[in-house]
Amino acid sequence: MTEIPEHLLKRAQAAREKAATSGKDTTPGGEGAVADPRIPQHLLDRSKAARVGGATGAVAVIDRPTAVAESASQFAGPLGTGPGGQTQRLLTVVKSGSIQDVKAVPIDKVHTWPHLLAIEFVAALACTAFLFIFSWFVNAPLLQAANFNQTPNPSKAPWYFLGLQELLTMFHPMIAGVTIPGVGIIGLMLAPFLDRNTSIKPEDRKFITSMFTVFLMFWAVLVIIGSFFRGPGFNFTFPWRDGIFFDL
């Protein structure tokens, strides 16, 4: 037999207590009971059968489809509704807690000041100190105005343009002066879009690290060759045999 809901048991207990004080049995299904329209009839019949079975020591068995059909026929409204057309709902007990599961995601971010700007300021001071010490030991005077009647041999561009001057000895001016530098500049411009990894570890950004290393070493080798391995007529020479044709 299906267990009777707890709220109906409490209601029946309250009715018994009221009947005990008034001397009249008004429990659901009892003698002289006043039918509560809020309690379905099949539950009243089940309670009454349970009381009779408990008094006689027998087990009461109720034909549920018949009881449900009889109780449903007493109400005006569709099947599944209570008295007055009220919908019957089955509730359950759940543990107390928040109905929203909020998960905080840690964000690996810091403020620009003082974390970033302090590091950049220290780096700027270090670069300034290095340039100051380097200029102390390396002579870099301003020479006289250029004389087109007396061209120096070899005639070399400043060190930051020696890479392009070295390329001119190997390729056509269109390729050496426009195509190769343009490809390098465009590649550096597209680097942030080709690699969107936010990690600052070199092992996590192998592609972009390799790309920048190749670009840096390519121009560094060209500048070194143009500075120390080019002699009169901009011909290839060995510095340990013919000397260095570059003003330091």
Protein backbone atom coordinates (compact mmCIF):
# COMPACT_ATOMS: atom_id res chain seq x y z
CA MET A 1 0.00 0.00 0.00
CA THR A 2 1.28 3.41 -0.96
CA GLU A 3 2.44 5.60 1.92
CA ILE A 4 0.06 8.42 2.86
CA PRO A 5 1.56 11.89 2.40
CA GLU A 6 2.84 13.53 5.56
CA HIS A 7 0.73 16.67 5.19
CA LEU A 8 -2.43 14.53 5.16
CA LEU A 9 -1.29 12.73 8.29
CA LYS A 10 -0.73 16.05 10.04
CA ARG A 11 -4.17 17.22 8.93
CA ALA A 12 -5.77 14.03 10.24
CA GLN A 13 -3.91 14.39 13.55
CA ALA A 14 -5.18 17.94 13.89
CA ALA A 15 -8.72 16.70 13.21
CA ARG A 16 -8.39 13.99 15.87
CA GLU A 17 -7.20 16.49 18.44
CA LYS A 18 -10.12 18.77 17.60
CA ALA A 19 -12.55 15.86 17.86
CA ALA A 20 -11.08 14.83 21.23
CA THR A 21 -11.74 18.29 22.64
CA SER A 22 -15.26 18.55 21.18
CA GLY A 23 -16.27 14.91 21.75
CA LYS A 24 -17.06 14.30 18.09
CA ASP A 25 -15.08 12.22 15.61
CA THR A 26 -14.34 14.46 12.63
CA THR A 27 -11.27 12.63 11.33
CA PRO A 28 -11.31 11.90 7.61
CA GLY A 29 -13.33 8.77 7.06
CA GLY A 30 -14.49 8.58 10.68
CA GLU A 31 -18.05 8.38 11.98
CA GLY A 32 -19.75 11.71 11.66
CA ALA A 33 -16.82 13.07 9.66
CA VAL A 34 -17.28 16.22 7.71
CA ALA A 35 -15.72 15.72 4.30
CA ASP A 36 -12.92 18.19 3.56
CA PRO A 37 -13.31 19.21 -0.10
CA ARG A 38 -9.56 19.81 -0.34
CA ILE A 39 -8.73 16.10 0.26
CA PRO A 40 -9.24 13.72 -2.68
CA GLN A 41 -11.86 11.06 -2.07
CA HIS A 42 -9.58 8.11 -2.84
CA LEU A 43 -7.22 9.26 -0.04
CA LEU A 44 -10.18 9.46 2.36
CA ASP A 45 -11.24 5.96 1.35
CA ARG A 46 -7.70 4.67 1.84
CA SER A 47 -7.47 6.26 5.29
CA LYS A 48 -10.81 4.79 6.29
CA ALA A 49 -9.82 1.33 5.02
CA ALA A 50 -6.53 1.55 6.89
CA ARG A 51 -8.36 2.37 10.15
CA VAL A 52 -10.81 -0.48 9.67
CA GLY A 53 -7.98 -2.89 8.84
CA GLY A 54 -6.02 -1.77 11.86
CA ALA A 55 -8.99 -2.36 14.14
CA THR A 56 -9.69 -5.86 12.78
CA GLY A 57 -6.04 -6.88 12.26
CA ALA A 58 -6.58 -7.39 8.51
CA VAL A 59 -4.77 -5.81 5.63
CA ALA A 60 -6.96 -3.47 3.63
CA VAL A 61 -6.59 -3.53 -0.12
CA ILE A 62 -8.23 -0.80 -2.19
CA ASP A 63 -8.80 -0.98 -5.87
CA ARG A 64 -6.84 2.14 -6.87
CA PRO A 65 -8.24 2.61 -10.41
CA THR A 66 -11.78 2.37 -9.03
CA ALA A 67 -11.04 4.78 -6.18
CA VAL A 68 -9.37 7.24 -8.50
CA ALA A 69 -12.21 7.02 -10.99
CA GLU A 70 -14.82 7.56 -8.27
CA SER A 71 -12.95 10.52 -6.81
CA ALA A 72 -12.31 12.05 -10.23
CA SER A 73 -15.98 11.85 -11.13
CA GLN A 74 -16.87 14.01 -8.12
CA PHE A 75 -14.90 17.03 -9.36
CA ALA A 76 -15.83 19.30 -12.20
CA GLY A 77 -12.76 19.76 -14.32
CA PRO A 78 -10.16 17.85 -16.27
CA LEU A 79 -8.41 14.79 -14.90
CA GLY A 80 -5.40 15.69 -12.79
CA THR A 81 -6.93 18.71 -11.09
CA GLY A 82 -8.16 19.07 -7.53
CA PRO A 83 -11.29 20.60 -6.12
CA GLY A 84 -12.18 23.86 -7.79
CA GLY A 85 -9.91 23.12 -10.76
CA GLN A 86 -6.70 23.45 -8.72
CA THR A 87 -3.76 21.60 -10.22
CA GLN A 88 -2.17 18.94 -8.01
CA ARG A 89 1.63 19.18 -7.84
CA LEU A 90 4.18 16.70 -6.56
CA LEU A 91 6.82 18.43 -4.47
CA THR A 92 10.14 17.13 -3.25
CA VAL A 93 12.58 18.19 -0.56
CA VAL A 94 15.97 19.43 -1.73
CA LYS A 95 19.06 20.50 0.16
CA SER A 96 19.33 24.17 0.94
CA GLY A 97 21.83 26.10 -1.14
CA SER A 98 22.26 28.62 -3.89
CA ILE A 99 20.29 28.05 -7.07
CA GLN A 100 23.14 29.54 -9.10
CA ASP A 101 26.47 27.78 -9.41
CA VAL A 102 28.98 30.59 -9.57
CA LYS A 103 32.53 29.57 -10.46
CA ALA A 104 35.21 32.24 -10.17
CA VAL A 105 37.80 31.98 -12.92
CA PRO A 106 41.23 33.38 -11.95
CA ILE A 107 42.48 36.01 -14.40
CA ASP A 108 46.21 36.27 -14.91
CA LYS A 109 46.39 40.05 -15.24
CA VAL A 110 48.15 42.87 -13.42
CA HIS A 111 47.86 46.63 -13.53
CA THR A 112 50.02 48.65 -15.91
CA TRP A 113 51.24 50.79 -13.04
CA PRO A 114 53.47 49.94 -11.30
CA HIS A 115 54.17 46.48 -12.70
CA LEU A 116 54.76 47.27 -16.40
CA LEU A 117 55.88 50.89 -16.31
CA ALA A 118 58.40 50.25 -13.53
CA ILE A 119 60.08 47.51 -15.59
CA GLU A 120 60.10 49.69 -18.71
CA PHE A 121 61.63 52.57 -16.76
CA VAL A 122 64.43 50.37 -15.43
CA ALA A 123 65.05 48.99 -18.93
CA ALA A 124 65.29 52.53 -20.33
CA LEU A 125 67.82 53.48 -17.65
CA ALA A 126 69.88 50.36 -18.44
CA CYS A 127 69.92 51.15 -22.19
CA THR A 128 70.91 54.76 -21.52
CA ALA A 129 73.79 53.65 -19.28
CA PHE A 130 74.99 51.16 -21.91
CA LEU A 131 74.99 53.77 -24.68
CA PHE A 132 76.80 56.23 -22.43
CA ILE A 133 79.58 53.75 -21.60
CA PHE A 134 79.81 52.52 -25.22
CA SER A 135 80.17 56.06 -26.57
CA TRP A 136 82.94 56.69 -24.06
CA PHE A 137 85.17 53.95 -25.51
CA VAL A 138 84.10 54.03 -29.19
CA ASN A 139 84.98 57.14 -31.19
CA ALA A 140 82.11 58.41 -33.31
CA PRO A 141 83.03 61.96 -34.39
CA LEU A 142 81.20 64.15 -36.88
CA LEU A 143 83.37 64.25 -40.00
CA GLN A 144 83.73 67.09 -42.46
CA ALA A 145 81.30 67.67 -45.30
CA ALA A 146 81.40 65.04 -48.00
CA ASN A 147 83.66 65.79 -51.01
CA PHE A 148 82.29 64.26 -54.19
CA ASN A 149 85.71 64.67 -55.83
CA GLN A 150 87.33 62.42 -53.22
CA THR A 151 85.11 59.39 -52.54
CA PRO A 152 86.41 57.16 -49.73
CA ASN A 153 87.30 53.60 -50.63
CA PRO A 154 85.57 51.54 -49.47
CA SER A 155 82.44 53.66 -49.24
CA LYS A 156 80.21 52.09 -46.61
CA ALA A 157 76.77 53.08 -45.35
CA PRO A 158 76.06 53.44 -41.63
CA TRP A 159 75.97 50.11 -39.83
CA TYR A 160 72.17 49.97 -39.75
CA PHE A 161 72.11 50.17 -43.58
CA LEU A 162 75.03 47.84 -44.21
CA GLY A 163 72.65 44.88 -44.47
CA LEU A 164 70.91 46.46 -47.46
CA GLN A 165 74.26 47.42 -49.00
CA GLU A 166 75.42 43.83 -48.62
CA LEU A 167 72.26 42.57 -50.32
CA LEU A 168 72.96 44.87 -53.29
CA THR A 169 76.15 42.90 -53.97
CA MET A 170 74.13 39.67 -54.28
CA PHE A 171 70.77 40.58 -55.88
CA HIS A 172 69.16 43.02 -58.27
CA PRO A 173 68.42 46.43 -56.66
CA MET A 174 64.67 45.79 -56.96
CA ILE A 175 64.96 42.52 -55.05
CA ALA A 176 67.60 43.68 -52.55
CA GLY A 177 66.11 47.11 -51.80
CA VAL A 178 62.35 46.50 -52.07
CA THR A 179 61.27 42.86 -52.17
CA ILE A 180 63.34 41.28 -49.37
CA PRO A 181 62.95 44.18 -46.86
CA GLY A 182 59.25 44.43 -47.71
CA VAL A 183 58.68 40.74 -47.06
CA GLY A 184 60.48 41.05 -43.72
CA ILE A 185 58.47 44.07 -42.63
CA ILE A 186 55.15 42.52 -43.69
CA GLY A 187 56.06 39.31 -41.84
CA LEU A 188 56.70 41.26 -38.65
CA MET A 189 53.39 43.11 -39.08
CA LEU A 190 51.50 39.83 -39.45
CA ALA A 191 53.29 38.14 -36.54
CA PRO A 192 50.65 39.11 -33.89
CA PHE A 193 47.90 37.65 -36.09
CA LEU A 194 49.79 34.44 -36.89
CA ASP A 195 50.55 33.70 -33.25
CA ARG A 196 47.79 34.52 -30.74
CA ASN A 197 49.33 32.62 -27.84
CA THR A 198 49.31 34.80 -24.70
CA SER A 199 52.07 32.86 -22.95
CA ILE A 200 55.37 34.63 -22.28
CA LYS A 201 57.40 31.42 -22.13
CA PRO A 202 59.64 30.80 -25.17
CA GLU A 203 58.91 27.06 -25.13
CA ASP A 204 55.19 27.81 -25.58
CA ARG A 205 55.76 30.12 -28.56
CA LYS A 206 58.20 28.19 -30.71
CA PHE A 207 56.87 29.46 -34.05
CA ILE A 208 57.10 33.18 -33.38
CA THR A 209 60.40 32.77 -31.50
CA SER A 210 61.93 30.91 -34.44
CA MET A 211 60.57 33.47 -36.90
CA PHE A 212 62.05 36.45 -35.06
CA THR A 213 65.37 34.63 -34.46
CA VAL A 214 65.79 33.90 -38.18
CA PHE A 215 64.95 37.51 -39.06
CA LEU A 216 67.40 38.91 -36.47
CA MET A 217 70.26 36.56 -37.37
CA PHE A 218 69.78 37.19 -41.10
CA TRP A 219 70.32 40.94 -40.75
CA ALA A 220 73.03 40.53 -38.08
CA VAL A 221 75.11 38.32 -40.40
CA LEU A 222 74.74 40.80 -43.28
CA VAL A 223 75.83 43.72 -41.07
CA ILE A 224 78.86 41.79 -39.74
CA ILE A 225 79.98 40.83 -43.25
CA GLY A 226 79.56 44.37 -44.55
CA SER A 227 81.44 45.85 -41.59
CA PHE A 228 84.43 43.55 -41.20
CA PHE A 229 84.69 41.43 -44.36
CA ARG A 230 84.51 44.14 -47.05
CA GLY A 231 87.62 46.01 -48.14
CA PRO A 232 88.57 48.45 -50.95
CA GLY A 233 86.08 48.36 -53.81
CA PHE A 234 83.72 46.62 -51.41
CA ASN A 235 85.46 43.37 -52.21
CA PHE A 236 85.42 40.42 -49.84
CA THR A 237 88.44 40.23 -47.56
CA PHE A 238 89.56 38.68 -44.28
CA PRO A 239 89.99 41.13 -41.39
CA TRP A 240 92.81 39.11 -39.76
CA ARG A 241 94.82 39.31 -43.02
CA ASP A 242 94.10 42.74 -44.52
CA GLY A 243 92.77 44.63 -41.51
CA ILE A 244 89.42 46.22 -40.73
CA PHE A 245 88.05 48.79 -43.16
CA PHE A 246 85.46 50.17 -40.79
CA ASP A 247 85.75 53.15 -38.45
CA LEU A 248 84.91 52.26 -34.88
